[in-house]
């Protein structure tokens, strides 16, 4: 009896073990979790029923003011905030060690009349610390003008790239940093590759990643000198103003009636570096025909400076303390001078105490300024021989006079925001989307502007790392890319990848399962000649992922489980019957008398 019970229990145990053996190869033992190093470009794409949701994220080096991003898409998009959690979740799922690099990248305002008709603004919005503009263009020159006017650093040599997108009626999403929304934590996020990702949703016949525009980085090192090119204009103190950057050159020839011994120069300025302790920050430089200094007007830290050069080569300095300046506001600056008098510096309509840096000089001596009837006026840019910095900001209502204005005239002009037609007016420029300057007699001419080729501090990478996740109904392929992970996601797994601020899933999948494909590539910029179009792979084989449990295997499993259950129950019935029968056949023991 004891041996029979052991055999029966062994049979039951074997039967109960059968279903477990059917799915032994489906048990998941995840490998160790590795850190995914930051890549130059990374994106997550979810595609279903002809609609693509592309989430993009980027890290970059440099100041936030230099950040700009231009993304073309094949149809009118909607743009929203996404979550960095999405990339972290996909990293956890794919558990792929990726040794990437770190670098970056690319760069609103009122449109000038000459580009309004060719650039259509679809929408402007603020998303977290981004200023986002959705637009469409019908002309590459107009789009280049809009980008330049709105301070997006797109190389002029890459205009053909824009033409390709425009000819195919693509839209553009332009983004840059809203400095007022930026804090130290956000700056750290940007620098370390954890910037707020942006979700762009659009209709598309195929799954696409716009890579061709990244190839424009190859043009950044080319000579971008463009005599006669269009300057950038922005909202000014009154009307419009001109925006001048490090390599913008604006100048005019000295008029024959320019009086170097006596005069006034005034302007409105909004300069990003006006209040910083940065020496030799040039406003106006006047030079003779040999490019030798005559007069320099500049700031040096909290000081405004008036510098003259005599015929003997002697340089004289006068300066005034203006510690109330702010880079956020418009400021009015005026300089007046006359021989045998001390020059005067005015800040926001008020005379500032002006002192010579030489204690023995109180007034301008005769011939303190080298007299000349020919030469040039440089505006916002020092002469090449001067170790000074250009301005980085806006200039408006620039005026030159042949005689020193009175303090009352300067105060009145400050209150009005512009100048009256005083008899000593030489010329004035208001920068109303043009370079026109007007003389006292009503005649006009144009200032000269071009972008000077300078050595760039930005060296774009020759190659970048790409990391792309694609989630759709089947496995995808992409020529030239490494397919480092491919596997199935259940509907629940897709929903739990990330949540938005309303605690809703990033995506709301409608199907039971999706295929996740991960692509990586270290790619030379010169190879980025086409956008990436994903193809459906020949099969749904997995890569570095668990084998799926298909419907047939699941049915077989259920059949085996059900059969095993019936078999087990049947065996228990048989065993119970045999045990009961055996007990009935055992004769009763005789009583011992």
Protein backbone atom coordinates (compact mmCIF):
# COMPACT_ATOMS: atom_id res chain seq x y z
CA UNK A 1 0.00 0.00 0.00
CA UNK A 2 2.82 2.41 0.88
CA UNK A 3 4.60 1.76 -2.44
CA UNK A 4 1.36 2.24 -4.39
CA UNK A 5 0.80 5.64 -2.78
CA UNK A 6 4.38 6.75 -3.74
CA UNK A 7 3.85 5.73 -7.38
CA UNK A 8 0.50 7.50 -7.60
CA UNK A 9 1.88 10.75 -6.08
CA UNK A 10 4.79 10.65 -8.52
CA UNK A 11 2.40 10.28 -11.47
CA UNK A 12 0.32 13.24 -10.24
CA UNK A 13 3.41 15.38 -9.79
CA UNK A 14 4.61 14.64 -13.32
CA UNK A 15 1.19 15.45 -14.77
CA UNK A 16 1.03 18.75 -12.86
CA UNK A 17 4.48 19.70 -14.17
CA UNK A 18 3.61 19.27 -17.88
CA UNK A 19 2.10 22.77 -18.54
CA UNK A 20 5.11 24.52 -17.04
CA UNK A 21 7.44 22.80 -19.46
CA UNK A 22 5.48 24.09 -22.47
CA UNK A 23 6.45 27.76 -21.79
CA UNK A 24 9.91 27.28 -20.39
CA UNK A 25 11.52 29.28 -23.27
CA UNK A 26 9.19 32.22 -22.54
CA UNK A 27 10.56 32.95 -19.07
CA UNK A 28 12.24 36.38 -19.12
CA UNK A 29 15.47 36.95 -17.22
CA UNK A 30 16.39 40.60 -17.95
CA UNK A 31 20.08 41.50 -18.32
CA UNK A 32 21.81 44.18 -16.28
CA UNK A 33 20.62 47.73 -16.84
CA UNK A 34 23.21 49.93 -18.60
CA UNK A 35 23.27 53.67 -18.87
CA UNK A 36 22.51 55.09 -22.30
CA UNK A 37 24.95 57.90 -22.95
CA UNK A 38 23.59 61.10 -24.44
CA UNK A 39 23.29 61.19 -28.18
CA UNK A 40 23.32 64.14 -30.54
CA UNK A 41 19.81 63.43 -31.79
CA UNK A 42 17.22 61.13 -30.29
CA UNK A 43 13.58 60.62 -31.12
CA UNK A 44 10.63 58.36 -30.40
CA UNK A 45 8.14 57.77 -33.21
CA UNK A 46 4.68 56.26 -32.72
CA UNK A 47 2.85 55.56 -35.97
CA UNK A 48 -0.71 54.31 -36.38
CA UNK A 49 -3.43 54.73 -39.03
CA UNK A 50 -1.49 57.27 -41.10
CA UNK A 51 -0.68 59.56 -38.18
CA UNK A 52 2.85 60.01 -36.83
CA UNK A 53 3.68 61.27 -33.36
CA UNK A 54 7.34 62.23 -33.20
CA UNK A 55 8.93 63.14 -29.89
CA UNK A 56 12.31 64.84 -30.28
CA UNK A 57 14.95 65.74 -27.76
CA UNK A 58 18.40 67.22 -28.07
CA UNK A 59 21.37 68.29 -25.95
CA UNK A 60 23.67 71.12 -26.87
CA UNK A 61 26.73 73.11 -25.85
CA UNK A 62 26.68 76.88 -25.49
CA UNK A 63 24.46 79.63 -24.13
CA UNK A 64 20.71 79.21 -24.13
CA UNK A 65 20.44 82.35 -26.27
CA UNK A 66 22.29 80.49 -29.02
CA UNK A 67 19.84 77.60 -29.04
CA UNK A 68 17.58 77.27 -32.05
CA UNK A 69 15.78 74.37 -33.66
CA UNK A 70 14.11 74.00 -37.05
CA UNK A 71 12.15 70.83 -37.81
CA UNK A 72 10.39 70.24 -41.14
CA UNK A 73 7.33 67.94 -41.33
CA UNK A 74 5.28 66.82 -44.36
CA UNK A 75 1.89 68.17 -43.20
CA UNK A 76 0.50 70.77 -40.81
CA UNK A 77 1.46 69.63 -37.32
CA UNK A 78 0.27 70.13 -33.78
CA UNK A 79 3.01 70.72 -31.23
CA UNK A 80 2.87 69.88 -27.53
CA UNK A 81 5.04 69.12 -24.54
CA UNK A 82 6.22 65.58 -23.96
CA UNK A 83 8.14 63.85 -21.18
CA UNK A 84 11.75 62.80 -20.72
CA UNK A 85 10.31 59.76 -18.92
CA UNK A 86 9.53 58.34 -22.34
CA UNK A 87 13.21 58.00 -23.26
CA UNK A 88 14.09 56.62 -19.83
CA UNK A 89 11.39 53.93 -20.10
CA UNK A 90 12.54 52.87 -23.56
CA UNK A 91 16.12 52.77 -22.34
CA UNK A 92 15.01 50.43 -19.55
CA UNK A 93 13.13 48.18 -21.96
CA UNK A 94 15.86 47.91 -24.57
CA UNK A 95 18.70 47.83 -21.99
CA UNK A 96 21.19 48.60 -24.69
CA UNK A 97 24.62 50.00 -23.85
CA UNK A 98 25.19 52.88 -26.26
CA UNK A 99 28.47 54.81 -26.25
CA UNK A 100 27.39 58.09 -27.77
CA UNK A 101 28.67 61.61 -28.02
CA UNK A 102 27.46 65.01 -26.96
CA UNK A 103 26.98 68.06 -29.09
CA UNK A 104 24.36 70.12 -30.87
CA UNK A 105 22.86 72.08 -33.05
CA UNK A 106 20.61 74.59 -34.84
CA UNK A 107 18.83 77.99 -33.82
CA UNK A 108 9.57 85.63 -33.42
CA UNK A 109 9.19 88.88 -34.17
CA UNK A 110 7.22 90.94 -36.64
CA UNK A 111 7.72 90.04 -40.27
CA UNK A 112 9.22 92.54 -42.67
CA UNK A 113 6.92 93.57 -45.50
CA UNK A 114 9.15 91.92 -48.09
CA UNK A 115 8.73 88.45 -46.60
CA UNK A 116 5.19 88.58 -45.16
CA UNK A 117 3.61 87.29 -48.35
CA UNK A 118 5.97 84.30 -48.64
CA UNK A 119 6.03 83.14 -45.01
CA UNK A 120 2.77 82.13 -43.33
CA UNK A 121 2.72 81.89 -39.54
CA UNK A 122 0.35 79.08 -38.60
CA UNK A 123 0.70 79.26 -34.83
CA UNK A 124 2.91 80.69 -32.11
CA UNK A 125 2.95 79.32 -28.58
CA UNK A 126 5.09 78.91 -25.47
CA UNK A 127 5.81 75.34 -24.39
CA UNK A 128 7.70 75.17 -21.13
CA UNK A 129 10.80 77.33 -21.81
CA UNK A 130 10.48 77.13 -25.61
CA UNK A 131 9.08 79.72 -28.00
CA UNK A 132 7.49 77.62 -30.76
CA UNK A 133 6.42 78.89 -34.17
CA UNK A 134 4.70 76.71 -36.76
CA UNK A 135 5.02 78.17 -40.25
CA UNK A 136 4.98 77.47 -43.97
CA UNK A 137 6.92 79.20 -46.72
CA UNK A 138 6.66 79.47 -50.49
CA UNK A 139 10.15 80.82 -51.07
CA UNK A 140 13.50 79.78 -49.58
CA UNK A 141 14.90 83.33 -49.60
CA UNK A 142 11.87 84.56 -47.67
CA UNK A 143 12.23 81.74 -45.16
CA UNK A 144 15.95 82.46 -44.80
CA UNK A 145 15.03 86.10 -44.22
CA UNK A 146 12.51 85.13 -41.54
CA UNK A 147 15.06 82.90 -39.83
CA UNK A 148 17.67 85.63 -39.91
CA UNK A 149 15.23 88.28 -38.75
CA UNK A 150 14.20 86.08 -35.84
CA UNK A 151 17.78 85.13 -34.99
CA UNK A 152 17.80 81.50 -36.04
CA UNK A 153 21.35 80.60 -36.98
CA UNK A 154 20.70 78.84 -40.28
CA UNK A 155 23.65 78.89 -42.74
CA UNK A 156 22.99 80.76 -45.95
CA UNK A 157 24.77 78.12 -48.03
CA UNK A 158 22.12 75.55 -47.13
CA UNK A 159 19.18 77.37 -48.71
CA UNK A 160 18.80 74.53 -51.25
CA UNK A 161 17.83 72.26 -48.35
CA UNK A 162 14.97 74.60 -47.50
CA UNK A 163 13.96 74.71 -51.17
CA UNK A 164 13.52 70.94 -51.26
CA UNK A 165 11.12 71.03 -48.33
CA UNK A 166 9.26 74.09 -49.64
CA UNK A 167 8.79 72.56 -53.10
CA UNK A 168 7.11 69.58 -51.44
CA UNK A 169 4.81 71.82 -49.36
CA UNK A 170 6.31 70.84 -46.02
CA UNK A 171 5.72 72.81 -42.84
CA UNK A 172 8.34 73.96 -40.34
CA UNK A 173 8.43 74.00 -36.56
CA UNK A 174 10.89 76.63 -35.28
CA UNK A 175 11.87 76.65 -31.61
CA UNK A 176 14.15 78.70 -29.44
CA UNK A 177 14.60 79.40 -25.75
CA UNK A 178 12.44 81.97 -23.98
CA UNK A 179 15.09 83.46 -21.70
CA UNK A 180 12.45 84.81 -19.27
CA UNK A 181 11.27 81.25 -18.57
CA UNK A 182 14.77 79.85 -18.11
CA UNK A 183 16.38 79.11 -14.77
CA UNK A 184 19.59 77.37 -13.72
CA UNK A 185 17.87 73.99 -13.43
CA UNK A 186 16.43 74.29 -16.93
CA UNK A 187 19.83 75.29 -18.31
CA UNK A 188 21.34 72.20 -16.71
CA UNK A 189 18.63 70.06 -18.29
CA UNK A 190 19.46 71.50 -21.69
CA UNK A 191 23.18 70.91 -21.29
CA UNK A 192 22.84 67.33 -20.03
CA UNK A 193 20.39 66.08 -22.62
CA UNK A 194 17.30 66.11 -20.40
CA UNK A 195 15.61 69.09 -21.97
CA UNK A 196 11.84 69.00 -22.17
CA UNK A 197 11.08 66.88 -25.25
CA UNK A 198 8.67 68.23 -27.83
CA UNK A 199 5.86 66.19 -29.38
CA UNK A 200 5.04 66.89 -33.02
CA UNK A 201 1.97 65.18 -34.47
CA UNK A 202 1.20 65.13 -38.19
CA UNK A 203 -0.36 63.05 -40.96
CA UNK A 204 2.02 61.06 -43.13
CA UNK A 205 1.75 58.22 -45.63
CA UNK A 206 5.01 56.78 -44.33
CA UNK A 207 7.03 56.85 -41.14
CA UNK A 208 9.56 59.65 -41.59
CA UNK A 209 12.37 61.27 -39.62
CA UNK A 210 13.53 64.61 -41.12
CA UNK A 211 17.30 64.17 -41.24
CA UNK A 212 18.25 66.06 -44.38
CA UNK A 213 18.04 69.42 -42.66
CA UNK A 214 20.68 68.24 -40.18
CA UNK A 215 23.08 68.07 -43.11
CA UNK A 216 22.97 71.87 -43.15
CA UNK A 217 25.54 71.77 -40.33
CA UNK A 218 28.15 71.08 -43.01
CA UNK A 219 27.70 74.67 -44.20
CA UNK A 220 28.49 76.34 -40.88
CA UNK A 221 32.24 76.47 -41.50
CA UNK A 222 31.90 78.05 -44.92
CA UNK A 223 32.54 81.72 -45.54
CA UNK A 224 29.23 83.39 -44.80
CA UNK A 225 30.31 86.86 -45.88
CA UNK A 226 27.46 88.44 -47.84
CA UNK A 227 27.92 92.07 -48.91
CA UNK A 228 24.52 93.54 -49.57
CA UNK A 229 22.65 90.88 -47.60
CA UNK A 230 19.58 91.77 -45.59
CA UNK A 231 20.02 92.84 -41.97
CA UNK A 232 17.63 91.79 -39.25
CA UNK A 233 15.02 94.21 -37.89
CA UNK A 234 13.03 94.00 -34.68
CA UNK A 235 10.60 96.03 -32.65
CA UNK A 236 12.34 99.26 -31.72
CA UNK A 237 11.98 102.10 -29.28
CA UNK A 238 9.83 103.81 -31.89
CA UNK A 239 8.72 101.62 -34.77
CA UNK A 240 11.47 99.24 -35.86
CA UNK A 241 15.16 98.90 -35.02
CA UNK A 242 18.19 97.17 -36.49
CA UNK A 243 19.67 94.08 -34.83
CA UNK A 244 23.46 93.89 -34.87
CA UNK A 245 25.45 90.81 -33.93
CA UNK A 246 29.14 90.04 -33.65
CA UNK A 247 29.83 89.84 -37.38
CA UNK A 248 27.30 92.41 -38.63
CA UNK A 249 28.93 95.46 -40.20
CA UNK A 250 27.05 98.74 -40.65
CA UNK A 251 28.88 101.83 -41.86
CA UNK A 252 28.68 105.07 -43.77
CA UNK A 253 31.15 107.41 -45.44
CA UNK A 254 31.94 110.64 -43.65
CA UNK A 255 30.03 113.55 -45.12
CA UNK A 256 32.10 116.42 -46.48
CA UNK A 257 30.55 118.72 -43.92
CA UNK A 258 31.30 116.47 -40.94
CA UNK A 259 32.91 118.61 -38.25
CA UNK A 260 35.34 116.56 -36.22
CA UNK A 261 35.97 119.49 -33.86
CA UNK A 262 32.36 119.87 -32.77
CA UNK A 263 29.25 117.73 -32.87
CA UNK A 264 26.74 115.37 -31.27
CA UNK A 265 25.88 111.71 -31.76
CA UNK A 266 22.86 110.08 -30.12
CA UNK A 267 20.97 106.80 -30.36
CA UNK A 268 18.69 104.38 -28.56
CA UNK A 269 20.22 101.03 -27.66
CA UNK A 270 19.12 97.73 -26.19
CA UNK A 271 22.34 95.81 -25.75
CA UNK A 272 22.65 92.34 -24.25
CA UNK A 273 26.09 93.22 -22.82
CA UNK A 274 25.55 96.84 -21.82
CA UNK A 275 25.71 96.17 -18.08
CA UNK A 276 28.41 93.48 -18.09
CA UNK A 277 32.03 94.20 -17.10
CA UNK A 278 33.28 93.77 -20.63
CA UNK A 279 35.88 96.21 -21.89
CA UNK A 280 35.84 98.08 -25.18
CA UNK A 281 32.24 97.48 -26.10
CA UNK A 282 32.01 99.58 -29.25
CA UNK A 283 29.01 101.76 -30.23
CA UNK A 284 30.44 104.13 -32.84
CA UNK A 285 33.90 104.28 -34.44
CA UNK A 286 34.91 107.12 -36.75
CA UNK A 287 38.14 106.64 -38.70
CA UNK A 288 40.01 108.49 -41.41
CA UNK A 289 40.76 107.20 -44.90
CA UNK A 290 43.67 105.16 -43.50
CA UNK A 291 41.46 103.53 -40.86
CA UNK A 292 43.14 105.49 -38.10
CA UNK A 293 40.98 106.40 -35.14
CA UNK A 294 39.36 109.81 -34.93
CA UNK A 295 36.57 109.24 -32.44
CA UNK A 296 35.31 106.24 -30.48
CA UNK A 297 32.11 105.99 -28.44
CA UNK A 298 31.83 102.86 -26.33
CA UNK A 299 31.10 101.29 -22.98
CA UNK A 300 33.55 99.66 -20.63
CA UNK A 301 31.80 97.82 -17.84
CA UNK A 302 29.61 100.34 -16.01
CA UNK A 303 31.25 103.27 -17.82
CA UNK A 304 30.42 105.10 -21.03
CA UNK A 305 33.55 106.36 -22.77
CA UNK A 306 34.38 109.16 -25.20
CA UNK A 307 37.79 108.65 -26.85
CA UNK A 308 39.58 111.00 -29.22
CA UNK A 309 42.79 110.67 -31.18
CA UNK A 310 44.78 113.79 -32.04
CA UNK A 311 46.92 114.33 -35.12
CA UNK A 312 49.95 113.66 -32.93
CA UNK A 313 48.59 110.21 -32.09
CA UNK A 314 47.78 111.17 -28.51
CA UNK A 315 44.68 109.37 -27.21
CA UNK A 316 42.42 111.12 -24.70
CA UNK A 317 39.72 109.41 -22.62
CA UNK A 318 36.64 110.80 -20.90
CA UNK A 319 34.17 108.54 -19.13
CA UNK A 320 30.96 108.62 -17.11
CA UNK A 321 29.59 106.13 -14.60
CA UNK A 322 26.19 104.63 -15.54
CA UNK A 323 25.60 101.86 -13.02
CA UNK A 324 21.84 101.94 -13.60
CA UNK A 325 21.94 100.37 -17.05
CA UNK A 326 19.96 97.24 -17.82
CA UNK A 327 20.28 94.88 -20.76
CA UNK A 328 16.53 94.28 -20.58
CA UNK A 329 15.52 97.89 -21.34
CA UNK A 330 15.98 100.51 -24.01
CA UNK A 331 18.48 103.23 -23.09
CA UNK A 332 19.16 106.58 -24.69
CA UNK A 333 22.83 107.58 -25.03
CA UNK A 334 24.13 110.89 -26.34
CA UNK A 335 27.63 112.33 -26.72
CA UNK A 336 28.42 116.00 -27.36
CA UNK A 337 31.81 117.64 -27.86
CA UNK A 338 33.42 120.96 -28.70
CA UNK A 339 37.02 122.10 -28.53
CA UNK A 340 37.97 124.08 -25.43
CA UNK A 341 35.08 122.45 -23.58
CA UNK A 342 34.70 119.21 -21.71
CA UNK A 343 32.76 116.60 -23.69
CA UNK A 344 29.41 115.61 -22.25
CA UNK A 345 27.81 112.18 -21.97
CA UNK A 346 24.05 111.82 -21.45
CA UNK A 347 22.30 108.69 -20.24
CA UNK A 348 18.51 108.42 -20.52
CA UNK A 349 18.14 112.16 -21.02
CA UNK A 350 20.30 113.20 -18.07
CA UNK A 351 23.83 114.56 -18.14
CA UNK A 352 26.25 112.24 -16.39
CA UNK A 353 29.34 113.54 -14.62
CA UNK A 354 32.05 113.15 -17.23
CA UNK A 355 35.70 113.12 -16.21
CA UNK A 356 38.95 112.76 -18.05
CA UNK A 357 41.09 109.79 -17.16
CA UNK A 358 44.02 112.21 -17.23
CA UNK A 359 43.88 114.43 -14.15
CA UNK A 360 45.63 117.34 -15.85
CA UNK A 361 43.08 117.64 -18.68
CA UNK A 362 39.71 119.24 -17.97
CA UNK A 363 38.60 120.38 -21.43
CA UNK A 364 39.20 119.21 -24.97
CA UNK A 365 42.27 121.00 -26.33
CA UNK A 366 42.40 122.35 -29.86
CA UNK A 367 43.07 119.55 -32.36
CA UNK A 368 42.17 116.91 -29.77
CA UNK A 369 40.40 115.20 -32.65
CA UNK A 370 42.37 114.57 -35.81
CA UNK A 371 40.60 116.72 -38.46
CA UNK A 372 39.55 114.91 -41.59
CA UNK A 373 37.08 115.27 -44.45
CA UNK A 374 37.08 111.64 -45.55
CA UNK A 375 36.80 108.33 -43.79
CA UNK A 376 34.14 106.00 -42.46
CA UNK A 377 31.69 105.62 -39.63
CA UNK A 378 31.38 102.12 -38.16
CA UNK A 379 28.18 101.47 -36.24
CA UNK A 380 28.09 98.68 -33.67
CA UNK A 381 31.41 97.33 -34.88
CA UNK A 382 34.98 98.44 -34.10
CA UNK A 383 37.51 98.99 -36.83
CA UNK A 384 39.69 96.00 -37.60
CA UNK A 385 42.72 97.56 -35.93
CA UNK A 386 40.91 98.07 -32.64
CA UNK A 387 40.88 95.37 -29.94
CA UNK A 388 37.25 96.12 -29.11
CA UNK A 389 34.08 94.07 -29.05
CA UNK A 390 31.02 94.74 -31.20
CA UNK A 391 27.63 95.26 -29.65
CA UNK A 392 25.10 92.47 -29.43
CA UNK A 393 21.71 94.09 -29.51
CA UNK A 394 19.42 96.65 -31.11
CA UNK A 395 19.99 100.24 -32.25
CA UNK A 396 17.26 102.76 -33.07
CA UNK A 397 16.97 106.47 -33.95
CA UNK A 398 20.64 107.10 -34.71
CA UNK A 399 21.43 110.81 -35.34
CA UNK A 400 24.54 112.87 -36.15
CA UNK A 401 24.80 116.64 -35.61
CA UNK A 402 27.42 119.19 -36.65
CA UNK A 403 27.25 121.00 -33.31
CA UNK A 404 26.80 120.05 -29.67
CA UNK A 405 23.18 119.86 -28.58
CA UNK A 406 22.09 121.51 -25.37
CA UNK A 407 20.98 119.50 -22.36
CA UNK A 408 17.42 120.76 -22.93
CA UNK A 409 17.41 119.50 -26.53
CA UNK A 410 18.70 116.09 -25.48
CA UNK A 411 16.19 115.83 -22.63
CA UNK A 412 13.35 116.77 -24.99
CA UNK A 413 14.49 114.21 -27.56
CA UNK A 414 14.63 111.56 -24.86
CA UNK A 415 11.04 112.33 -23.85
CA UNK A 416 9.82 112.28 -27.47
CA UNK A 417 11.76 109.16 -28.42
CA UNK A 418 13.03 110.86 -31.60
CA UNK A 419 14.80 114.04 -32.70
CA UNK A 420 13.46 117.26 -34.14
CA UNK A 421 14.95 118.85 -37.27
CA UNK A 422 17.53 121.04 -35.61
CA UNK A 423 19.62 123.21 -37.93
CA UNK A 424 22.77 121.29 -37.02
CA UNK A 425 21.31 117.93 -38.05
CA UNK A 426 23.70 116.09 -40.37
CA UNK A 427 21.69 112.90 -40.90
CA UNK A 428 19.42 110.46 -39.05
CA UNK A 429 18.41 106.81 -39.46
CA UNK A 430 15.26 105.24 -37.98
CA UNK A 431 15.73 101.67 -39.32
CA UNK A 432 12.10 101.18 -40.33
CA UNK A 433 12.90 97.85 -42.00
CA UNK A 434 15.46 99.63 -44.16
CA UNK A 435 18.91 101.23 -44.04
CA UNK A 436 17.81 104.66 -45.22
CA UNK A 437 19.28 107.74 -43.60
CA UNK A 438 17.86 111.23 -44.19
CA UNK A 439 19.77 114.51 -44.34
CA UNK A 440 18.63 117.90 -43.04
CA UNK A 441 17.61 118.98 -46.54
CA UNK A 442 15.31 115.98 -46.96
CA UNK A 443 17.52 114.02 -49.33
CA UNK A 444 18.28 110.44 -48.41
CA UNK A 445 20.71 107.64 -49.03
CA UNK A 446 21.43 104.21 -47.61
CA UNK A 447 23.85 102.94 -45.02
CA UNK A 448 25.98 100.00 -46.07
CA UNK A 449 25.53 96.65 -44.38
CA UNK A 450 27.13 93.27 -44.81
CA UNK A 451 27.95 90.25 -42.74
CA UNK A 452 31.66 90.00 -42.27
CA UNK A 453 33.36 86.62 -42.31
CA UNK A 454 34.80 86.01 -38.86
CA UNK A 455 36.37 83.03 -37.20
CA UNK A 456 33.50 81.16 -35.63
CA UNK A 457 33.73 79.92 -32.05
CA UNK A 458 31.32 77.15 -32.97
CA UNK A 459 32.79 74.13 -34.68
CA UNK A 460 29.98 71.83 -35.76
CA UNK A 461 30.63 68.12 -35.41
CA UNK A 462 31.62 66.22 -38.52
CA UNK A 463 29.63 63.23 -37.27
CA UNK A 464 26.72 62.81 -34.89
CA UNK A 465 25.06 59.96 -33.04
CA UNK A 466 21.48 59.05 -33.86
CA UNK A 467 19.16 57.10 -31.56
CA UNK A 468 15.67 56.40 -32.88
CA UNK A 469 12.82 54.36 -31.38
CA UNK A 470 9.93 53.39 -33.66
CA UNK A 471 6.68 51.97 -32.28
CA UNK A 472 4.13 50.70 -34.79
CA UNK A 473 2.26 47.54 -35.79
CA UNK A 474 5.26 45.69 -37.28
CA UNK A 475 9.03 45.60 -37.14
CA UNK A 476 10.76 48.32 -39.18
CA UNK A 477 14.02 48.42 -41.11
CA UNK A 478 16.33 51.27 -42.14
CA UNK A 479 19.33 50.86 -44.47
CA UNK A 480 22.67 51.69 -42.88
CA UNK A 481 21.39 51.66 -39.30
CA UNK A 482 22.09 49.13 -36.57
CA UNK A 483 18.96 47.38 -35.35
CA UNK A 484 20.04 46.90 -31.74
CA UNK A 485 16.63 45.94 -30.34
CA UNK A 486 13.35 44.68 -31.75
CA UNK A 487 10.51 43.27 -29.72
CA UNK A 488 6.82 43.37 -28.93
CA UNK A 489 5.07 45.76 -26.55
CA UNK A 490 1.69 44.96 -25.09
CA UNK A 491 -0.99 47.64 -25.06
CA UNK A 492 -0.45 48.06 -21.33
CA UNK A 493 3.32 48.41 -21.76
CA UNK A 494 2.81 51.06 -24.45
CA UNK A 495 0.45 53.02 -22.21
CA UNK A 496 2.86 52.92 -19.28
CA UNK A 497 5.89 54.26 -21.18
CA UNK A 498 5.18 57.82 -19.97
CA UNK A 499 2.42 60.02 -18.62
CA UNK A 500 1.63 63.67 -19.32
CA UNK A 501 0.89 66.41 -16.79
CA UNK A 502 -2.76 65.32 -16.68
CA UNK A 503 -1.61 61.82 -15.66
CA UNK A 504 -2.80 60.40 -18.96
CA UNK A 505 -0.67 57.99 -21.02
CA UNK A 506 1.59 59.59 -23.61
CA UNK A 507 -0.12 57.46 -26.23
CA UNK A 508 -3.55 55.87 -26.21
CA UNK A 509 -3.02 52.66 -28.17
CA UNK A 510 -5.99 50.95 -29.76
CA UNK A 511 -4.39 47.60 -30.60
CA UNK A 512 -3.42 44.71 -28.37
CA UNK A 513 0.28 44.89 -29.17
CA UNK A 514 2.91 46.94 -31.00
CA UNK A 515 6.42 46.36 -32.27
CA UNK A 516 9.28 48.43 -30.86
CA UNK A 517 12.35 48.79 -33.08
CA UNK A 518 15.48 50.61 -31.95
CA UNK A 519 17.95 52.10 -34.45
CA UNK A 520 21.41 53.55 -33.83
CA UNK A 521 24.08 55.01 -36.08
CA UNK A 522 27.15 57.20 -35.88
CA UNK A 523 26.64 59.27 -39.03
CA UNK A 524 28.79 61.76 -40.91
CA UNK A 525 27.06 65.08 -41.54
CA UNK A 526 27.96 64.87 -45.22
CA UNK A 527 25.87 61.68 -45.45
CA UNK A 528 22.70 63.43 -44.32
CA UNK A 529 21.38 64.10 -47.80
CA UNK A 530 17.96 62.49 -47.40
CA UNK A 531 15.22 62.19 -44.82
CA UNK A 532 14.83 58.78 -43.19
CA UNK A 533 11.90 56.76 -44.52
CA UNK A 534 11.26 53.61 -42.51
CA UNK A 535 10.29 50.33 -44.19
CA UNK A 536 8.36 47.37 -42.84
CA UNK A 537 10.77 44.49 -42.27
CA UNK A 538 10.32 41.14 -44.00
CA UNK A 539 9.31 39.53 -40.71
CA UNK A 540 8.70 40.35 -37.07
CA UNK A 541 11.70 38.48 -35.70
CA UNK A 542 12.92 39.79 -32.38
CA UNK A 543 16.40 41.15 -31.61
CA UNK A 544 17.71 41.06 -28.04
CA UNK A 545 14.12 40.64 -26.86
CA UNK A 546 12.01 37.73 -25.56
CA UNK A 547 10.23 35.55 -28.07
CA UNK A 548 6.55 36.45 -28.30
CA UNK A 549 3.73 34.18 -27.21
CA UNK A 550 1.68 33.98 -30.39
CA UNK A 551 -1.99 33.00 -30.54
CA UNK A 552 -1.25 29.41 -31.64
CA UNK A 553 1.14 28.81 -28.78
CA UNK A 554 -1.28 30.43 -26.39
CA UNK A 555 -4.08 28.12 -27.65
CA UNK A 556 -1.82 25.09 -27.31
CA UNK A 557 -0.93 26.17 -23.82
CA UNK A 558 -4.59 26.52 -22.85
CA UNK A 559 -5.40 23.11 -24.35
CA UNK A 560 -2.54 21.50 -22.47
CA UNK A 561 -3.54 23.21 -19.27
CA UNK A 562 -7.15 22.13 -19.68
CA UNK A 563 -6.12 18.58 -20.64
CA UNK A 564 -3.73 18.44 -17.72
CA UNK A 565 -6.45 19.60 -15.38
CA UNK A 566 -8.92 16.98 -16.65
CA UNK A 567 -6.22 14.31 -16.53
CA UNK A 568 -5.30 15.26 -13.00
CA UNK A 569 -8.93 15.24 -11.90
CA UNK A 570 -9.45 11.87 -13.60
CA UNK A 571 -6.44 10.37 -11.92
CA UNK A 572 -7.61 11.60 -8.56
CA UNK A 573 -11.01 9.96 -9.16
CA UNK A 574 -9.34 6.69 -10.18
CA UNK A 575 -7.01 6.79 -7.21
CA UNK A 576 -9.88 7.45 -4.84
CA UNK A 577 -11.90 4.59 -6.37
CA UNK A 578 -8.98 2.14 -6.12
CA UNK A 579 -8.27 3.05 -2.55
CA UNK A 580 -11.91 2.65 -1.54
CA UNK A 581 -12.20 -0.68 -3.36
CA UNK A 582 -9.05 -2.03 -1.77
CA UNK A 583 -10.32 -1.10 1.66
CA UNK A 584 -13.58 -2.98 1.00
CA UNK A 585 -11.73 -6.16 -0.07
CA UNK A 586 -9.62 -6.33 3.04
CA UNK A 587 -11.16 -8.97 5.37
CA UNK A 588 -11.89 -7.80 8.87
CA UNK A 589 -9.41 -8.84 11.50
CA UNK A 590 -10.47 -11.64 13.83
CA UNK A 591 -10.98 -10.83 17.41
CA UNK A 592 -8.65 -12.64 19.81
CA UNK A 593 -10.49 -14.27 22.58
